[in-house]
């Protein structure tokens, strides 16, 4: 993955994580769709994700994954 693809991936992942870390009462359908997307990303990208990020997604540590994405985008 080149740097632009990597940045695009982290931006997309960041947006999904924001949906999950918000209160589900705001948008239950969006919340459930975001959870499903994160589960898919964790399983489909297993060998391509940094180890820490994969661990956070698999363990559903979404706030930690959000911080990981913030740091990746800041670099």
Foldseek 3Di string as FASTA:
>chain_A
DDPVVVLVVLVVLLVLLVLCPDDCVVPVVSNVVSLVVLVCCLVVCVVPDPPVLSVCSVVVVSVVNNVVSVVSNVD
